[in-house]
Amino acid sequence: MQDVRKNIAENIALLRTEAGMTQASLAEILNYTDKAVSKWERGEAVPDIVTIKQIADYFGVSVDYLLRRDHKEDLKEREQLVAARKKNRRLITLICGLSVFVLATVAFAILILASVTAPPPWICFVYAVPISSIVVLVLNSVWGARWLNFIIVSVLVWSVLSSVYFTLLTVISFNMWEIFIVGASAQLVILFIPGIKPVKNNNSKEQKNNGT
């Protein structure tokens, strides 16, 4: 049992570090505290079988993988699987984001054929930027790096403001440049968001603090 506990501890620590995750980020995904994860990785406690299955599923390995020490045969296959999964996710995100511009091109062509001048057809591409930003933000929130969300949100804010600005300018000839002052204020707020740390409810996780 001691060997199995040690294997689980080493494997969780290895999988987490290879994924570039902190103990706190893994704990948040598993709905535990970082204290519990720390105990698992030191071999002082063992996660329950449900949590072990959850860890295995998250990192794309089997439960047996977490229990064993020798992974030489599995290492290459797992690395290929992780690389393929990351590549597929990037491609899906890229395709979904670009599909918005494909629709914008269709709308642009329709407006040209219909001889619409207000708003001008090219504004379809301006609108496509915030829409594609939302699509990419959703997908990145599910399986991407969290720090990218702040860049995407920044693009979203400025593109929304630009859409409003160009709509007012081209439809009613109203040059509302002051709207970008709002963008500057919003950008300052976005810069401070990464510093906000979630506060866990210790009462509701009293048992999970011990990692059992």
C-alpha atoms as a PDB file:
ATOM      1  CA  MET A   1       0.000   0.000   0.000  1.00  0.00           C
ATOM      2  CA  GLN A   2       2.889   2.306   0.811  1.00  0.00           C
ATOM      3  CA  ASP A   3       4.360   1.764  -2.672  1.00  0.00           C
ATOM      4  CA  VAL A   4       1.006   2.508  -4.307  1.00  0.00           C
ATOM      5  CA  ARG A   5       0.651   5.698  -2.276  1.00  0.00           C
ATOM      6  CA  LYS A   6       4.160   6.768  -3.301  1.00  0.00           C
ATOM      7  CA  ASN A   7       3.429   6.005  -6.955  1.00  0.00           C
ATOM      8  CA  ILE A   8       0.225   8.048  -6.870  1.00  0.00           C
ATOM      9  CA  ALA A   9       2.052  10.939  -5.208  1.00  0.00           C
ATOM     10  CA  GLU A  10       4.873  10.967  -7.762  1.00  0.00           C
ATOM     11  CA  ASN A  11       2.553  10.547 -10.739  1.00  0.00           C
ATOM     12  CA  ILE A  12       0.215  13.378  -9.722  1.00  0.00           C
ATOM     13  CA  ALA A  13       3.172  15.703  -9.162  1.00  0.00           C
ATOM     14  CA  LEU A  14       4.733  14.712 -12.493  1.00  0.00           C
ATOM     15  CA  LEU A  15       1.529  15.111 -14.507  1.00  0.00           C
ATOM     16  CA  ARG A  16       0.806  18.466 -12.896  1.00  0.00           C
ATOM     17  CA  THR A  17       4.269  19.907 -13.501  1.00  0.00           C
ATOM     18  CA  GLU A  18       4.372  18.607 -17.081  1.00  0.00           C
ATOM     19  CA  ALA A  19       1.076  20.399 -17.699  1.00  0.00           C
ATOM     20  CA  GLY A  20       2.536  23.627 -16.286  1.00  0.00           C
ATOM     21  CA  MET A  21      -0.040  23.753 -13.504  1.00  0.00           C
ATOM     22  CA  THR A  22       0.264  24.875  -9.908  1.00  0.00           C
ATOM     23  CA  GLN A  23      -1.131  22.907  -6.996  1.00  0.00           C
ATOM     24  CA  ALA A  24      -3.742  25.617  -6.553  1.00  0.00           C
ATOM     25  CA  SER A  25      -4.952  25.399 -10.155  1.00  0.00           C
ATOM     26  CA  LEU A  26      -5.265  21.605 -10.004  1.00  0.00           C
ATOM     27  CA  ALA A  27      -7.051  21.878  -6.666  1.00  0.00           C
ATOM     28  CA  GLU A  28      -9.548  24.315  -8.149  1.00  0.00           C
ATOM     29  CA  ILE A  29     -10.348  21.951 -11.024  1.00  0.00           C
ATOM     30  CA  LEU A  30     -10.866  19.040  -8.627  1.00  0.00           C
ATOM     31  CA  ASN A  31     -12.810  21.179  -6.129  1.00  0.00           C
ATOM     32  CA  TYR A  32     -10.230  20.546  -3.416  1.00  0.00           C
ATOM     33  CA  THR A  33      -7.792  22.853  -1.663  1.00  0.00           C
ATOM     34  CA  ASP A  34      -4.142  23.253  -2.600  1.00  0.00           C
ATOM     35  CA  LYS A  35      -3.358  21.878   0.860  1.00  0.00           C
ATOM     36  CA  ALA A  36      -5.005  18.593  -0.113  1.00  0.00           C
ATOM     37  CA  VAL A  37      -3.069  18.386  -3.386  1.00  0.00           C
ATOM     38  CA  SER A  38       0.144  19.110  -1.520  1.00  0.00           C
ATOM     39  CA  LYS A  39      -0.575  16.183   0.843  1.00  0.00           C
ATOM     40  CA  TRP A  40      -1.239  13.879  -2.086  1.00  0.00           C
ATOM     41  CA  GLU A  41       2.058  14.789  -3.727  1.00  0.00           C
ATOM     42  CA  ARG A  42       3.952  14.263  -0.477  1.00  0.00           C
ATOM     43  CA  GLY A  43       2.315  10.879   0.017  1.00  0.00           C
ATOM     44  CA  GLU A  44       0.691  11.944   3.281  1.00  0.00           C
ATOM     45  CA  ALA A  45      -2.795  11.261   1.939  1.00  0.00           C
ATOM     46  CA  VAL A  46      -4.412   9.491  -1.000  1.00  0.00           C
ATOM     47  CA  PRO A  47      -7.332  10.883  -3.022  1.00  0.00           C
ATOM     48  CA  ASP A  48     -10.464   8.771  -3.107  1.00  0.00           C
ATOM     49  CA  ILE A  49     -11.120   6.549  -6.125  1.00  0.00           C
ATOM     50  CA  VAL A  50     -13.556   9.033  -7.685  1.00  0.00           C
ATOM     51  CA  THR A  51     -10.947  11.792  -7.525  1.00  0.00           C
ATOM     52  CA  ILE A  52      -8.240   9.473  -8.861  1.00  0.00           C
ATOM     53  CA  LYS A  53     -10.485   8.748 -11.867  1.00  0.00           C
ATOM     54  CA  GLN A  54     -11.096  12.482 -12.272  1.00  0.00           C
ATOM     55  CA  ILE A  55      -7.344  13.182 -12.231  1.00  0.00           C
ATOM     56  CA  ALA A  56      -6.686  10.402 -14.747  1.00  0.00           C
ATOM     57  CA  ASP A  57      -9.393  11.680 -17.100  1.00  0.00           C
ATOM     58  CA  TYR A  58      -8.166  15.259 -16.874  1.00  0.00           C
ATOM     59  CA  PHE A  59      -4.578  14.389 -17.802  1.00  0.00           C
ATOM     60  CA  GLY A  60      -5.592  11.807 -20.399  1.00  0.00           C
ATOM     61  CA  VAL A  61      -4.150   8.749 -18.643  1.00  0.00           C
ATOM     62  CA  SER A  62      -5.636   5.593 -17.155  1.00  0.00           C
ATOM     63  CA  VAL A  63      -6.219   4.975 -13.457  1.00  0.00           C
ATOM     64  CA  ASP A  64      -3.670   2.165 -13.742  1.00  0.00           C
ATOM     65  CA  TYR A  65      -1.155   4.727 -14.970  1.00  0.00           C
ATOM     66  CA  LEU A  66      -1.456   6.638 -11.685  1.00  0.00           C
ATOM     67  CA  LEU A  67      -0.899   3.482  -9.654  1.00  0.00           C
ATOM     68  CA  ARG A  68       2.216   2.283 -11.482  1.00  0.00           C
ATOM     69  CA  ARG A  69       5.772   3.548 -11.249  1.00  0.00           C
ATOM     70  CA  ASP A  70       7.274   2.483 -14.584  1.00  0.00           C
ATOM     71  CA  HIS A  71       5.829   4.453 -17.510  1.00  0.00           C
ATOM     72  CA  LYS A  72       8.539   4.081 -20.131  1.00  0.00           C
ATOM     73  CA  GLU A  73       6.194   2.288 -22.519  1.00  0.00           C
ATOM     74  CA  ASP A  74       3.402   4.811 -21.976  1.00  0.00           C
ATOM     75  CA  LEU A  75       5.477   7.980 -22.062  1.00  0.00           C
ATOM     76  CA  LYS A  76       5.868   8.372 -25.818  1.00  0.00           C
ATOM     77  CA  GLU A  77       2.234   7.489 -26.489  1.00  0.00           C
ATOM     78  CA  ARG A  78       1.005   9.936 -23.847  1.00  0.00           C
ATOM     79  CA  GLU A  79       3.213  12.733 -25.181  1.00  0.00           C
ATOM     80  CA  GLN A  80       1.852  12.145 -28.672  1.00  0.00           C
ATOM     81  CA  LEU A  81      -1.702  12.131 -27.340  1.00  0.00           C
ATOM     82  CA  VAL A  82      -1.214  15.388 -25.422  1.00  0.00           C
ATOM     83  CA  ALA A  83       0.437  17.061 -28.428  1.00  0.00           C
ATOM     84  CA  ALA A  84      -2.343  15.916 -30.762  1.00  0.00           C
ATOM     85  CA  ARG A  85      -5.022  17.111 -28.358  1.00  0.00           C
ATOM     86  CA  LYS A  86      -3.428  20.556 -28.034  1.00  0.00           C
ATOM     87  CA  LYS A  87      -3.058  20.835 -31.802  1.00  0.00           C
ATOM     88  CA  ASN A  88      -6.688  19.847 -32.379  1.00  0.00           C
ATOM     89  CA  ARG A  89      -7.905  22.379 -29.841  1.00  0.00           C
ATOM     90  CA  ARG A  90      -5.869  25.170 -31.432  1.00  0.00           C
ATOM     91  CA  LEU A  91      -7.202  24.252 -34.862  1.00  0.00           C
ATOM     92  CA  ILE A  92     -10.798  24.143 -33.647  1.00  0.00           C
ATOM     93  CA  THR A  93     -10.409  27.541 -31.990  1.00  0.00           C
ATOM     94  CA  LEU A  94      -8.819  28.995 -35.134  1.00  0.00           C
ATOM     95  CA  ILE A  95     -11.492  27.550 -37.434  1.00  0.00           C
ATOM     96  CA  CYS A  96     -14.328  28.812 -35.239  1.00  0.00           C
ATOM     97  CA  GLY A  97     -12.780  32.282 -35.061  1.00  0.00           C
ATOM     98  CA  LEU A  98     -12.193  32.451 -38.816  1.00  0.00           C
ATOM     99  CA  SER A  99     -15.690  31.175 -39.574  1.00  0.00           C
ATOM    100  CA  VAL A 100     -17.037  34.459 -38.214  1.00  0.00           C
ATOM    101  CA  PHE A 101     -15.045  36.333 -40.875  1.00  0.00           C
ATOM    102  CA  VAL A 102     -16.385  33.957 -43.531  1.00  0.00           C
ATOM    103  CA  LEU A 103     -19.898  34.931 -42.495  1.00  0.00           C
ATOM    104  CA  ALA A 104     -18.822  38.581 -42.480  1.00  0.00           C
ATOM    105  CA  THR A 105     -17.601  38.174 -46.065  1.00  0.00           C
ATOM    106  CA  VAL A 106     -20.967  36.723 -47.083  1.00  0.00           C
ATOM    107  CA  ALA A 107     -22.775  39.622 -45.409  1.00  0.00           C
ATOM    108  CA  PHE A 108     -20.392  42.071 -47.095  1.00  0.00           C
ATOM    109  CA  ALA A 109     -21.170  40.589 -50.525  1.00  0.00           C
ATOM    110  CA  ILE A 110     -24.925  40.721 -49.876  1.00  0.00           C
ATOM    111  CA  LEU A 111     -24.769  44.384 -48.847  1.00  0.00           C
ATOM    112  CA  ILE A 112     -22.686  45.215 -51.928  1.00  0.00           C
ATOM    113  CA  LEU A 113     -25.212  43.500 -54.213  1.00  0.00           C
ATOM    114  CA  ALA A 114     -28.061  45.267 -52.431  1.00  0.00           C
ATOM    115  CA  SER A 115     -26.274  48.634 -52.865  1.00  0.00           C
ATOM    116  CA  VAL A 116     -26.506  49.372 -49.139  1.00  0.00           C
ATOM    117  CA  THR A 117     -24.427  52.398 -48.187  1.00  0.00           C
ATOM    118  CA  ALA A 118     -25.416  53.111 -44.587  1.00  0.00           C
ATOM    119  CA  PRO A 119     -23.808  51.519 -42.759  1.00  0.00           C
ATOM    120  CA  PRO A 120     -21.107  50.762 -45.352  1.00  0.00           C
ATOM    121  CA  PRO A 121     -20.603  47.069 -46.204  1.00  0.00           C
ATOM    122  CA  TRP A 122     -17.021  47.032 -44.892  1.00  0.00           C
ATOM    123  CA  ILE A 123     -18.313  47.501 -41.359  1.00  0.00           C
ATOM    124  CA  CYS A 124     -19.248  43.807 -41.404  1.00  0.00           C
ATOM    125  CA  PHE A 125     -15.561  43.043 -40.852  1.00  0.00           C
ATOM    126  CA  VAL A 126     -15.442  45.497 -37.952  1.00  0.00           C
ATOM    127  CA  TYR A 127     -18.356  43.662 -36.311  1.00  0.00           C
ATOM    128  CA  ALA A 128     -16.664  40.330 -36.970  1.00  0.00           C
ATOM    129  CA  VAL A 129     -13.773  41.155 -34.633  1.00  0.00           C
ATOM    130  CA  PRO A 130     -15.768  41.312 -31.354  1.00  0.00           C
ATOM    131  CA  ILE A 131     -17.928  38.348 -32.385  1.00  0.00           C
ATOM    132  CA  SER A 132     -14.907  36.176 -33.164  1.00  0.00           C
ATOM    133  CA  SER A 133     -13.302  37.371 -29.915  1.00  0.00           C
ATOM    134  CA  ILE A 134     -16.284  36.056 -27.970  1.00  0.00           C
ATOM    135  CA  VAL A 135     -16.077  32.699 -29.754  1.00  0.00           C
ATOM    136  CA  VAL A 136     -12.351  32.395 -29.076  1.00  0.00           C
ATOM    137  CA  LEU A 137     -12.816  33.522 -25.460  1.00  0.00           C
ATOM    138  CA  VAL A 138     -15.380  30.806 -24.792  1.00  0.00           C
ATOM    139  CA  LEU A 139     -13.210  28.065 -26.301  1.00  0.00           C
ATOM    140  CA  ASN A 140     -10.051  29.300 -24.605  1.00  0.00           C
ATOM    141  CA  SER A 141     -11.853  29.395 -21.252  1.00  0.00           C
ATOM    142  CA  VAL A 142     -12.715  25.723 -21.680  1.00  0.00           C
ATOM    143  CA  TRP A 143      -9.338  24.328 -22.737  1.00  0.00           C
ATOM    144  CA  GLY A 144      -6.802  27.122 -23.263  1.00  0.00           C
ATOM    145  CA  ALA A 145      -4.309  29.015 -21.147  1.00  0.00           C
ATOM    146  CA  ARG A 146      -6.050  31.364 -18.726  1.00  0.00           C
ATOM    147  CA  TRP A 147      -3.601  34.227 -19.239  1.00  0.00           C
ATOM    148  CA  LEU A 148      -4.702  34.417 -22.880  1.00  0.00           C
ATOM    149  CA  ASN A 149      -8.207  35.329 -21.729  1.00  0.00           C
ATOM    150  CA  PHE A 150      -7.014  38.748 -20.607  1.00  0.00           C
ATOM    151  CA  ILE A 151      -5.583  39.468 -24.054  1.00  0.00           C
ATOM    152  CA  ILE A 152      -8.778  38.248 -25.711  1.00  0.00           C
ATOM    153  CA  VAL A 153     -10.943  40.336 -23.387  1.00  0.00           C
ATOM    154  CA  SER A 154      -8.839  43.396 -24.219  1.00  0.00           C
ATOM    155  CA  VAL A 155      -9.369  42.784 -27.941  1.00  0.00           C
ATOM    156  CA  LEU A 156     -13.077  42.307 -27.281  1.00  0.00           C
ATOM    157  CA  VAL A 157     -13.435  45.597 -25.393  1.00  0.00           C
ATOM    158  CA  TRP A 158     -11.602  47.684 -27.999  1.00  0.00           C
ATOM    159  CA  SER A 159     -13.353  46.021 -30.933  1.00  0.00           C
ATOM    160  CA  VAL A 160     -16.800  46.595 -29.399  1.00  0.00           C
ATOM    161  CA  LEU A 161     -15.980  50.257 -28.851  1.00  0.00           C
ATOM    162  CA  SER A 162     -14.634  50.520 -32.399  1.00  0.00           C
ATOM    163  CA  SER A 163     -17.820  48.947 -33.751  1.00  0.00           C
ATOM    164  CA  VAL A 164     -19.933  51.502 -31.910  1.00  0.00           C
ATOM    165  CA  TYR A 165     -17.680  54.342 -33.021  1.00  0.00           C
ATOM    166  CA  PHE A 166     -17.710  53.439 -36.724  1.00  0.00           C
ATOM    167  CA  THR A 167     -21.446  52.747 -36.683  1.00  0.00           C
ATOM    168  CA  LEU A 168     -22.211  56.203 -35.284  1.00  0.00           C
ATOM    169  CA  LEU A 169     -19.683  57.826 -37.611  1.00  0.00           C
ATOM    170  CA  THR A 170     -20.961  56.201 -40.813  1.00  0.00           C
ATOM    171  CA  VAL A 171     -24.696  56.164 -40.085  1.00  0.00           C
ATOM    172  CA  ILE A 172     -25.325  59.540 -38.451  1.00  0.00           C
ATOM    173  CA  SER A 173     -21.923  61.230 -38.972  1.00  0.00           C
ATOM    174  CA  PHE A 174     -21.411  61.507 -35.229  1.00  0.00           C
ATOM    175  CA  ASN A 175     -17.730  61.470 -34.257  1.00  0.00           C
ATOM    176  CA  MET A 176     -17.898  60.093 -30.732  1.00  0.00           C
ATOM    177  CA  TRP A 177     -14.147  59.655 -30.147  1.00  0.00           C
ATOM    178  CA  GLU A 178     -14.680  60.051 -26.396  1.00  0.00           C
ATOM    179  CA  ILE A 179     -15.915  56.478 -26.314  1.00  0.00           C
ATOM    180  CA  PHE A 180     -12.300  55.298 -26.416  1.00  0.00           C
ATOM    181  CA  ILE A 181     -11.738  56.931 -23.031  1.00  0.00           C
ATOM    182  CA  VAL A 182     -14.105  54.275 -21.700  1.00  0.00           C
ATOM    183  CA  GLY A 183     -11.885  51.677 -23.348  1.00  0.00           C
ATOM    184  CA  ALA A 184      -8.815  53.035 -21.596  1.00  0.00           C
ATOM    185  CA  SER A 185     -10.586  52.808 -18.229  1.00  0.00           C
ATOM    186  CA  ALA A 186     -11.780  49.277 -18.975  1.00  0.00           C
ATOM    187  CA  GLN A 187      -8.267  48.279 -19.985  1.00  0.00           C
ATOM    188  CA  LEU A 188      -6.924  49.398 -16.613  1.00  0.00           C
ATOM    189  CA  VAL A 189      -9.517  47.231 -14.866  1.00  0.00           C
ATOM    190  CA  ILE A 190      -8.596  44.241 -17.054  1.00  0.00           C
ATOM    191  CA  LEU A 191      -4.915  44.649 -16.143  1.00  0.00           C
ATOM    192  CA  PHE A 192      -5.741  44.211 -12.446  1.00  0.00           C
ATOM    193  CA  ILE A 193      -8.024  41.173 -12.883  1.00  0.00           C
ATOM    194  CA  PRO A 194      -5.152  38.604 -12.774  1.00  0.00           C
ATOM    195  CA  GLY A 195      -4.320  39.801  -9.266  1.00  0.00           C
ATOM    196  CA  ILE A 196      -7.721  38.704  -7.933  1.00  0.00           C
ATOM    197  CA  LYS A 197      -7.467  35.354  -6.193  1.00  0.00           C
ATOM    198  CA  PRO A 198     -10.530  33.169  -5.534  1.00  0.00           C
ATOM    199  CA  VAL A 199     -11.450  32.731  -1.870  1.00  0.00           C
ATOM    200  CA  LYS A 200     -12.401  29.185  -0.999  1.00  0.00           C
ATOM    201  CA  ASN A 201     -15.106  28.320   1.507  1.00  0.00           C
ATOM    202  CA  ASN A 202     -13.166  26.461   4.173  1.00  0.00           C
ATOM    203  CA  ASN A 203     -16.326  25.303   5.926  1.00  0.00           C
ATOM    204  CA  SER A 204     -17.688  23.533   2.873  1.00  0.00           C
ATOM    205  CA  LYS A 205     -14.299  21.950   2.172  1.00  0.00           C
ATOM    206  CA  GLU A 206     -13.307  21.010   5.678  1.00  0.00           C
ATOM    207  CA  GLN A 207     -12.997  17.330   4.868  1.00  0.00           C
ATOM    208  CA  LYS A 208     -11.278  17.954   1.548  1.00  0.00           C
ATOM    209  CA  ASN A 209      -8.520  19.925   3.239  1.00  0.00           C
ATOM    210  CA  ASN A 210      -7.144  16.608   4.402  1.00  0.00           C
ATOM    211  CA  GLY A 211      -7.220  15.159   0.895  1.00  0.00           C
ATOM    212  CA  THR A 212      -9.478  12.253   1.786  1.00  0.00           C
END
